[in-house]
Amino acid sequence: MSLCDDDLTEDPDWNPEDEKDEGPEKLDDQLEVNAAKERKCIVYESCLDKLFKICSICNSACTYTKIVHGSYLKIKNWCEKGRKLSM
């Protein structure tokens, strides 16, 4: 089982009602955020791998490479239909 599987029984103390809904955000607001002030998240690498195996635009399979320098991560991926994305 992967650490990012959606199995709610893995954390019996978690209650979805305790989560704070911050509401929808505008893309323009996200682009103007200073990197030092931006909220940071810790994620498992296996969860990122799961996200980048499938193209978010056309749902076709992807190949990808990761470049890691300390906590910096850059992902380049290509889908079967020729889309190239860098994150």
PDB file of N, CA and C in Angstrom:
ATOM      1  N   MET A   1       0.843  -1.180   0.000  1.00  0.00           N
ATOM      2  CA  MET A   1       0.000   0.000   0.000  1.00  0.00           C
ATOM      3  C   MET A   1       0.887   1.242   0.000  1.00  0.00           C
ATOM      4  N   SER A   2       0.537   2.213  -0.792  1.00  0.00           N
ATOM      5  CA  SER A   2       1.263   3.478  -0.878  1.00  0.00           C
ATOM      6  C   SER A   2       0.843   4.399   0.261  1.00  0.00           C
ATOM      7  N   LEU A   3       1.722   5.286   0.649  1.00  0.00           N
ATOM      8  CA  LEU A   3       1.408   6.246   1.709  1.00  0.00           C
ATOM      9  C   LEU A   3       0.337   7.237   1.295  1.00  0.00           C
ATOM     10  N   CYS A   4       0.084   7.374   0.005  1.00  0.00           N
ATOM     11  CA  CYS A   4      -0.894   8.365  -0.441  1.00  0.00           C
ATOM     12  C   CYS A   4      -2.223   7.739  -0.848  1.00  0.00           C
ATOM     13  N   ASP A   5      -2.440   6.461  -0.543  1.00  0.00           N
ATOM     14  CA  ASP A   5      -3.732   5.853  -0.838  1.00  0.00           C
ATOM     15  C   ASP A   5      -4.808   6.527  -0.003  1.00  0.00           C
ATOM     16  N   ASP A   6      -5.998   6.563  -0.540  1.00  0.00           N
ATOM     17  CA  ASP A   6      -7.113   7.233   0.127  1.00  0.00           C
ATOM     18  C   ASP A   6      -7.807   6.303   1.115  1.00  0.00           C
ATOM     19  N   ASP A   7      -7.086   5.804   2.091  1.00  0.00           N
ATOM     20  CA  ASP A   7      -7.652   4.909   3.087  1.00  0.00           C
ATOM     21  C   ASP A   7      -7.818   5.683   4.386  1.00  0.00           C
ATOM     22  N   LEU A   8      -9.045   6.050   4.689  1.00  0.00           N
ATOM     23  CA  LEU A   8      -9.314   6.873   5.866  1.00  0.00           C
ATOM     24  C   LEU A   8      -9.096   6.121   7.165  1.00  0.00           C
ATOM     25  N   THR A   9      -9.012   4.787   7.112  1.00  0.00           N
ATOM     26  CA  THR A   9      -8.810   4.014   8.332  1.00  0.00           C
ATOM     27  C   THR A   9      -7.376   4.105   8.828  1.00  0.00           C
ATOM     28  N   GLU A  10      -6.465   4.618   8.025  1.00  0.00           N
ATOM     29  CA  GLU A  10      -5.065   4.720   8.416  1.00  0.00           C
ATOM     30  C   GLU A  10      -4.834   5.763   9.499  1.00  0.00           C
ATOM     31  N   ASP A  11      -5.676   6.755   9.608  1.00  0.00           N
ATOM     32  CA  ASP A  11      -5.526   7.795  10.621  1.00  0.00           C
ATOM     33  C   ASP A  11      -6.849   7.937  11.368  1.00  0.00           C
ATOM     34  N   PRO A  12      -7.055   7.093  12.377  1.00  0.00           N
ATOM     35  CA  PRO A  12      -8.352   7.107  13.062  1.00  0.00           C
ATOM     36  C   PRO A  12      -8.623   8.400  13.826  1.00  0.00           C
ATOM     37  N   ASP A  13      -7.586   9.203  14.111  1.00  0.00           N
ATOM     38  CA  ASP A  13      -7.790  10.457  14.840  1.00  0.00           C
ATOM     39  C   ASP A  13      -8.245  11.599  13.943  1.00  0.00           C
ATOM     40  N   TRP A  14      -8.128  11.429  12.627  1.00  0.00           N
ATOM     41  CA  TRP A  14      -8.472  12.498  11.693  1.00  0.00           C
ATOM     42  C   TRP A  14      -9.979  12.594  11.538  1.00  0.00           C
ATOM     43  N   ASN A  15     -10.496  13.789  11.620  1.00  0.00           N
ATOM     44  CA  ASN A  15     -11.916  14.033  11.442  1.00  0.00           C
ATOM     45  C   ASN A  15     -12.073  15.072  10.338  1.00  0.00           C
ATOM     46  N   PRO A  16     -12.743  14.725   9.226  1.00  0.00           N
ATOM     47  CA  PRO A  16     -12.873  15.672   8.109  1.00  0.00           C
ATOM     48  C   PRO A  16     -13.528  16.993   8.510  1.00  0.00           C
ATOM     49  N   GLU A  17     -14.418  16.970   9.508  1.00  0.00           N
ATOM     50  CA  GLU A  17     -15.077  18.209   9.925  1.00  0.00           C
ATOM     51  C   GLU A  17     -14.099  19.183  10.582  1.00  0.00           C
ATOM     52  N   ASP A  18     -12.957  18.676  11.055  1.00  0.00           N
ATOM     53  CA  ASP A  18     -11.957  19.542  11.676  1.00  0.00           C
ATOM     54  C   ASP A  18     -11.151  20.335  10.651  1.00  0.00           C
ATOM     55  N   GLU A  19     -11.218  19.934   9.396  1.00  0.00           N
ATOM     56  CA  GLU A  19     -10.457  20.610   8.345  1.00  0.00           C
ATOM     57  C   GLU A  19     -11.052  21.981   8.078  1.00  0.00           C
ATOM     58  N   LYS A  20     -10.191  22.943   7.856  1.00  0.00           N
ATOM     59  CA  LYS A  20     -10.618  24.316   7.596  1.00  0.00           C
ATOM     60  C   LYS A  20     -10.729  24.519   6.088  1.00  0.00           C
ATOM     61  N   ASP A  21     -11.898  24.894   5.618  1.00  0.00           N
ATOM     62  CA  ASP A  21     -12.097  25.176   4.200  1.00  0.00           C
ATOM     63  C   ASP A  21     -11.734  26.627   3.956  1.00  0.00           C
ATOM     64  N   GLU A  22     -10.698  26.820   3.154  1.00  0.00           N
ATOM     65  CA  GLU A  22     -10.235  28.181   2.908  1.00  0.00           C
ATOM     66  C   GLU A  22     -10.917  28.812   1.704  1.00  0.00           C
ATOM     67  N   GLY A  23     -11.835  28.103   1.102  1.00  0.00           N
ATOM     68  CA  GLY A  23     -12.592  28.660  -0.003  1.00  0.00           C
ATOM     69  C   GLY A  23     -11.809  28.711  -1.298  1.00  0.00           C
ATOM     70  N   PRO A  24     -12.488  29.057  -2.379  1.00  0.00           N
ATOM     71  CA  PRO A  24     -11.816  29.116  -3.678  1.00  0.00           C
ATOM     72  C   PRO A  24     -10.823  30.272  -3.743  1.00  0.00           C
ATOM     73  N   GLU A  25      -9.746  30.042  -4.465  1.00  0.00           N
ATOM     74  CA  GLU A  25      -8.743  31.085  -4.646  1.00  0.00           C
ATOM     75  C   GLU A  25      -8.672  31.448  -6.121  1.00  0.00           C
ATOM     76  N   LYS A  26      -8.424  32.702  -6.389  1.00  0.00           N
ATOM     77  CA  LYS A  26      -8.267  33.142  -7.769  1.00  0.00           C
ATOM     78  C   LYS A  26      -6.847  32.862  -8.222  1.00  0.00           C
ATOM     79  N   LEU A  27      -6.679  32.458  -9.480  1.00  0.00           N
ATOM     80  CA  LEU A  27      -5.359  32.161 -10.016  1.00  0.00           C
ATOM     81  C   LEU A  27      -4.454  33.384  -9.950  1.00  0.00           C
ATOM     82  N   ASP A  28      -4.998  34.562 -10.217  1.00  0.00           N
ATOM     83  CA  ASP A  28      -4.197  35.785 -10.159  1.00  0.00           C
ATOM     84  C   ASP A  28      -3.622  35.996  -8.761  1.00  0.00           C
ATOM     85  N   ASP A  29      -4.408  35.701  -7.736  1.00  0.00           N
ATOM     86  CA  ASP A  29      -3.936  35.842  -6.364  1.00  0.00           C
ATOM     87  C   ASP A  29      -2.787  34.882  -6.088  1.00  0.00           C
ATOM     88  N   GLN A  30      -2.861  33.671  -6.622  1.00  0.00           N
ATOM     89  CA  GLN A  30      -1.816  32.678  -6.408  1.00  0.00           C
ATOM     90  C   GLN A  30      -0.519  33.098  -7.076  1.00  0.00           C
ATOM     91  N   LEU A  31      -0.593  33.711  -8.239  1.00  0.00           N
ATOM     92  CA  LEU A  31       0.599  34.086  -8.977  1.00  0.00           C
ATOM     93  C   LEU A  31       1.355  35.236  -8.325  1.00  0.00           C
ATOM     94  N   GLU A  32       0.652  36.065  -7.570  1.00  0.00           N
ATOM     95  CA  GLU A  32       1.273  37.234  -6.967  1.00  0.00           C
ATOM     96  C   GLU A  32       1.859  36.965  -5.582  1.00  0.00           C
ATOM     97  N   VAL A  33       1.745  35.750  -5.090  1.00  0.00           N
ATOM     98  CA  VAL A  33       2.224  35.428  -3.754  1.00  0.00           C
ATOM     99  C   VAL A  33       3.747  35.373  -3.740  1.00  0.00           C
ATOM    100  N   ASN A  34       4.343  36.031  -2.775  1.00  0.00           N
ATOM    101  CA  ASN A  34       5.783  35.994  -2.581  1.00  0.00           C
ATOM    102  C   ASN A  34       6.160  34.595  -2.106  1.00  0.00           C
ATOM    103  N   ALA A  35       7.179  33.989  -2.703  1.00  0.00           N
ATOM    104  CA  ALA A  35       7.569  32.619  -2.369  1.00  0.00           C
ATOM    105  C   ALA A  35       7.886  32.461  -0.886  1.00  0.00           C
ATOM    106  N   ALA A  36       8.463  33.470  -0.267  1.00  0.00           N
ATOM    107  CA  ALA A  36       8.791  33.383   1.157  1.00  0.00           C
ATOM    108  C   ALA A  36       7.536  33.361   2.022  1.00  0.00           C
ATOM    109  N   LYS A  37       6.458  33.961   1.539  1.00  0.00           N
ATOM    110  CA  LYS A  37       5.220  34.020   2.309  1.00  0.00           C
ATOM    111  C   LYS A  37       4.246  32.908   1.930  1.00  0.00           C
ATOM    112  N   GLU A  38       4.516  32.218   0.842  1.00  0.00           N
ATOM    113  CA  GLU A  38       3.602  31.184   0.370  1.00  0.00           C
ATOM    114  C   GLU A  38       3.552  30.013   1.341  1.00  0.00           C
ATOM    115  N   ARG A  39       2.379  29.437   1.500  1.00  0.00           N
ATOM    116  CA  ARG A  39       2.207  28.283   2.371  1.00  0.00           C
ATOM    117  C   ARG A  39       2.966  27.095   1.793  1.00  0.00           C
ATOM    118  N   LYS A  40       3.664  26.374   2.636  1.00  0.00           N
ATOM    119  CA  LYS A  40       4.448  25.224   2.198  1.00  0.00           C
ATOM    120  C   LYS A  40       3.795  23.941   2.682  1.00  0.00           C
ATOM    121  N   CYS A  41       4.006  22.873   1.940  1.00  0.00           N
ATOM    122  CA  CYS A  41       3.423  21.579   2.277  1.00  0.00           C
ATOM    123  C   CYS A  41       4.489  20.500   2.186  1.00  0.00           C
ATOM    124  N   ILE A  42       4.367  19.509   3.021  1.00  0.00           N
ATOM    125  CA  ILE A  42       5.239  18.346   2.942  1.00  0.00           C
ATOM    126  C   ILE A  42       4.412  17.222   2.339  1.00  0.00           C
ATOM    127  N   VAL A  43       4.939  16.610   1.287  1.00  0.00           N
ATOM    128  CA  VAL A  43       4.243  15.497   0.641  1.00  0.00           C
ATOM    129  C   VAL A  43       5.215  14.339   0.461  1.00  0.00           C
ATOM    130  N   TYR A  44       4.680  13.142   0.402  1.00  0.00           N
ATOM    131  CA  TYR A  44       5.498  11.966   0.134  1.00  0.00           C
ATOM    132  C   TYR A  44       5.832  11.912  -1.344  1.00  0.00           C
ATOM    133  N   GLU A  45       7.060  11.525  -1.643  1.00  0.00           N
ATOM    134  CA  GLU A  45       7.494  11.443  -3.032  1.00  0.00           C
ATOM    135  C   GLU A  45       6.646  10.444  -3.813  1.00  0.00           C
ATOM    136  N   SER A  46       6.221   9.360  -3.180  1.00  0.00           N
ATOM    137  CA  SER A  46       5.387   8.369  -3.868  1.00  0.00           C
ATOM    138  C   SER A  46       4.045   8.972  -4.295  1.00  0.00           C
ATOM    139  N   CYS A  47       3.539   9.939  -3.533  1.00  0.00           N
ATOM    140  CA  CYS A  47       2.287  10.609  -3.907  1.00  0.00           C
ATOM    141  C   CYS A  47       2.502  11.511  -5.117  1.00  0.00           C
ATOM    142  N   LEU A  48       3.645  12.198  -5.155  1.00  0.00           N
ATOM    143  CA  LEU A  48       3.964  13.017  -6.329  1.00  0.00           C
ATOM    144  C   LEU A  48       4.131  12.133  -7.559  1.00  0.00           C
ATOM    145  N   ASP A  49       4.811  10.996  -7.382  1.00  0.00           N
ATOM    146  CA  ASP A  49       4.998  10.068  -8.497  1.00  0.00           C
ATOM    147  C   ASP A  49       3.650   9.643  -9.072  1.00  0.00           C
ATOM    148  N   LYS A  50       2.711   9.357  -8.185  1.00  0.00           N
ATOM    149  CA  LYS A  50       1.372   8.942  -8.617  1.00  0.00           C
ATOM    150  C   LYS A  50       0.694  10.051  -9.434  1.00  0.00           C
ATOM    151  N   LEU A  51       0.868  11.300  -9.021  1.00  0.00           N
ATOM    152  CA  LEU A  51       0.260  12.429  -9.732  1.00  0.00           C
ATOM    153  C   LEU A  51       0.841  12.627 -11.127  1.00  0.00           C
ATOM    154  N   PHE A  52       2.154  12.436 -11.269  1.00  0.00           N
ATOM    155  CA  PHE A  52       2.812  12.741 -12.534  1.00  0.00           C
ATOM    156  C   PHE A  52       2.857  11.576 -13.510  1.00  0.00           C
ATOM    157  N   LYS A  53       2.307  10.421 -13.153  1.00  0.00           N
ATOM    158  CA  LYS A  53       2.253   9.287 -14.076  1.00  0.00           C
ATOM    159  C   LYS A  53       1.141   9.454 -15.107  1.00  0.00           C
ATOM    160  N   ILE A  54       0.184  10.329 -14.822  1.00  0.00           N
ATOM    161  CA  ILE A  54      -0.969  10.554 -15.700  1.00  0.00           C
ATOM    162  C   ILE A  54      -1.036  12.038 -16.050  1.00  0.00           C
ATOM    163  N   CYS A  55      -1.250  12.339 -17.339  1.00  0.00           N
ATOM    164  CA  CYS A  55      -1.358  13.727 -17.793  1.00  0.00           C
ATOM    165  C   CYS A  55      -2.616  14.365 -17.203  1.00  0.00           C
ATOM    166  N   SER A  56      -2.459  15.516 -16.586  1.00  0.00           N
ATOM    167  CA  SER A  56      -3.599  16.206 -15.977  1.00  0.00           C
ATOM    168  C   SER A  56      -4.524  16.835 -17.016  1.00  0.00           C
ATOM    169  N   ILE A  57      -4.079  16.915 -18.268  1.00  0.00           N
ATOM    170  CA  ILE A  57      -4.888  17.524 -19.320  1.00  0.00           C
ATOM    171  C   ILE A  57      -5.695  16.473 -20.082  1.00  0.00           C
ATOM    172  N   CYS A  58      -5.024  15.381 -20.503  1.00  0.00           N
ATOM    173  CA  CYS A  58      -5.706  14.404 -21.360  1.00  0.00           C
ATOM    174  C   CYS A  58      -5.791  13.003 -20.747  1.00  0.00           C
ATOM    175  N   ASN A  59      -5.286  12.820 -19.548  1.00  0.00           N
ATOM    176  CA  ASN A  59      -5.323  11.545 -18.828  1.00  0.00           C
ATOM    177  C   ASN A  59      -4.546  10.415 -19.489  1.00  0.00           C
ATOM    178  N   SER A  60      -3.628  10.729 -20.391  1.00  0.00           N
ATOM    179  CA  SER A  60      -2.798   9.677 -20.984  1.00  0.00           C
ATOM    180  C   SER A  60      -1.579   9.444 -20.084  1.00  0.00           C
ATOM    181  N   ALA A  61      -0.889   8.337 -20.314  1.00  0.00           N
ATOM    182  CA  ALA A  61       0.283   7.991 -19.510  1.00  0.00           C
ATOM    183  C   ALA A  61       1.415   8.981 -19.761  1.00  0.00           C
ATOM    184  N   CYS A  62       2.230   9.219 -18.744  1.00  0.00           N
ATOM    185  CA  CYS A  62       3.358  10.151 -18.844  1.00  0.00           C
ATOM    186  C   CYS A  62       4.654   9.476 -18.417  1.00  0.00           C
ATOM    187  N   THR A  63       5.742   9.982 -18.973  1.00  0.00           N
ATOM    188  CA  THR A  63       7.069   9.680 -18.450  1.00  0.00           C
ATOM    189  C   THR A  63       7.587  10.983 -17.872  1.00  0.00           C
ATOM    190  N   TYR A  64       8.432  10.894 -16.860  1.00  0.00           N
ATOM    191  CA  TYR A  64       8.892  12.115 -16.216  1.00  0.00           C
ATOM    192  C   TYR A  64      10.275  11.922 -15.627  1.00  0.00           C
ATOM    193  N   THR A  65      10.946  13.047 -15.432  1.00  0.00           N
ATOM    194  CA  THR A  65      12.235  13.066 -14.746  1.00  0.00           C
ATOM    195  C   THR A  65      12.138  14.048 -13.593  1.00  0.00           C
ATOM    196  N   LYS A  66      12.904  13.768 -12.555  1.00  0.00           N
ATOM    197  CA  LYS A  66      12.930  14.648 -11.387  1.00  0.00           C
ATOM    198  C   LYS A  66      14.352  15.166 -11.201  1.00  0.00           C
ATOM    199  N   ILE A  67      14.454  16.449 -10.920  1.00  0.00           N
ATOM    200  CA  ILE A  67      15.730  17.075 -10.584  1.00  0.00           C
ATOM    201  C   ILE A  67      15.591  17.563  -9.147  1.00  0.00           C
ATOM    202  N   VAL A  68      16.475  17.079  -8.273  1.00  0.00           N
ATOM    203  CA  VAL A  68      16.378  17.405  -6.853  1.00  0.00           C
ATOM    204  C   VAL A  68      17.681  18.038  -6.380  1.00  0.00           C
ATOM    205  N   HIS A  69      17.558  19.188  -5.750  1.00  0.00           N
ATOM    206  CA  HIS A  69      18.683  19.877  -5.111  1.00  0.00           C
ATOM    207  C   HIS A  69      18.213  20.291  -3.727  1.00  0.00           C
ATOM    208  N   GLY A  70      18.588  19.547  -2.691  1.00  0.00           N
ATOM    209  CA  GLY A  70      18.100  19.839  -1.341  1.00  0.00           C
ATOM    210  C   GLY A  70      16.597  19.650  -1.290  1.00  0.00           C
ATOM    211  N   SER A  71      15.865  20.683  -0.911  1.00  0.00           N
ATOM    212  CA  SER A  71      14.406  20.590  -0.872  1.00  0.00           C
ATOM    213  C   SER A  71      13.754  21.070  -2.170  1.00  0.00           C
ATOM    214  N   TYR A  72      14.568  21.526  -3.120  1.00  0.00           N
ATOM    215  CA  TYR A  72      14.055  21.977  -4.418  1.00  0.00           C
ATOM    216  C   TYR A  72      13.769  20.760  -5.290  1.00  0.00           C
ATOM    217  N   LEU A  73      12.610  20.731  -5.906  1.00  0.00           N
ATOM    218  CA  LEU A  73      12.225  19.642  -6.801  1.00  0.00           C
ATOM    219  C   LEU A  73      11.676  20.232  -8.085  1.00  0.00           C
ATOM    220  N   LYS A  74      12.227  19.812  -9.212  1.00  0.00           N
ATOM    221  CA  LYS A  74      11.710  20.213 -10.518  1.00  0.00           C
ATOM    222  C   LYS A  74      11.331  18.942 -11.254  1.00  0.00           C
ATOM    223  N   ILE A  75      10.142  18.932 -11.815  1.00  0.00           N
ATOM    224  CA  ILE A  75       9.654  17.763 -12.539  1.00  0.00           C
ATOM    225  C   ILE A  75       9.392  18.161 -13.979  1.00  0.00           C
ATOM    226  N   LYS A  76       9.932  17.375 -14.891  1.00  0.00           N
ATOM    227  CA  LYS A  76       9.652  17.531 -16.321  1.00  0.00           C
ATOM    228  C   LYS A  76       8.926  16.272 -16.751  1.00  0.00           C
ATOM    229  N   ASN A  77       7.753  16.444 -17.346  1.00  0.00           N
ATOM    230  CA  ASN A  77       7.061  15.245 -17.813  1.00  0.00           C
ATOM    231  C   ASN A  77       6.498  15.431 -19.206  1.00  0.00           C
ATOM    232  N   TRP A  78       6.349  14.301 -19.883  1.00  0.00           N
ATOM    233  CA  TRP A  78       5.868  14.252 -21.253  1.00  0.00           C
ATOM    234  C   TRP A  78       4.771  13.210 -21.316  1.00  0.00           C
ATOM    235  N   CYS A  79       3.652  13.556 -21.922  1.00  0.00           N
ATOM    236  CA  CYS A  79       2.580  12.572 -22.057  1.00  0.00           C
ATOM    237  C   CYS A  79       2.685  11.890 -23.415  1.00  0.00           C
ATOM    238  N   GLU A  80       1.965  10.775 -23.554  1.00  0.00           N
ATOM    239  CA  GLU A  80       1.976  10.000 -24.798  1.00  0.00           C
ATOM    240  C   GLU A  80       1.543  10.826 -26.001  1.00  0.00           C
ATOM    241  N   LYS A  81       0.741  11.854 -25.773  1.00  0.00           N
ATOM    242  CA  LYS A  81       0.212  12.668 -26.870  1.00  0.00           C
ATOM    243  C   LYS A  81       1.099  13.864 -27.191  1.00  0.00           C
ATOM    244  N   GLY A  82       2.302  13.919 -26.580  1.00  0.00           N
ATOM    245  CA  GLY A  82       3.269  14.942 -26.937  1.00  0.00           C
ATOM    246  C   GLY A  82       3.287  16.192 -26.089  1.00  0.00           C
ATOM    247  N   ARG A  83       2.460  16.269 -25.075  1.00  0.00           N
ATOM    248  CA  ARG A  83       2.481  17.450 -24.210  1.00  0.00           C
ATOM    249  C   ARG A  83       3.722  17.403 -23.329  1.00  0.00           C
ATOM    250  N   LYS A  84       4.377  18.540 -23.178  1.00  0.00           N
ATOM    251  CA  LYS A  84       5.569  18.644 -22.340  1.00  0.00           C
ATOM    252  C   LYS A  84       5.280  19.668 -21.252  1.00  0.00           C
ATOM    253  N   LEU A  85       5.465  19.269 -20.015  1.00  0.00           N
ATOM    254  CA  LEU A  85       5.202  20.147 -18.884  1.00  0.00           C
ATOM    255  C   LEU A  85       6.403  20.173 -17.967  1.00  0.00           C
ATOM    256  N   SER A  86       6.675  21.315 -17.379  1.00  0.00           N
ATOM    257  CA  SER A  86       7.731  21.439 -16.370  1.00  0.00           C
ATOM    258  C   SER A  86       7.137  22.081 -15.137  1.00  0.00           C
ATOM    259  N   MET A  87       7.448  21.529 -13.991  1.00  0.00           N
ATOM    260  CA  MET A  87       6.955  22.063 -12.726  1.00  0.00           C
ATOM    261  C   MET A  87       8.073  22.114 -11.731  1.00  0.00           C
TER     262      MET A  87
END
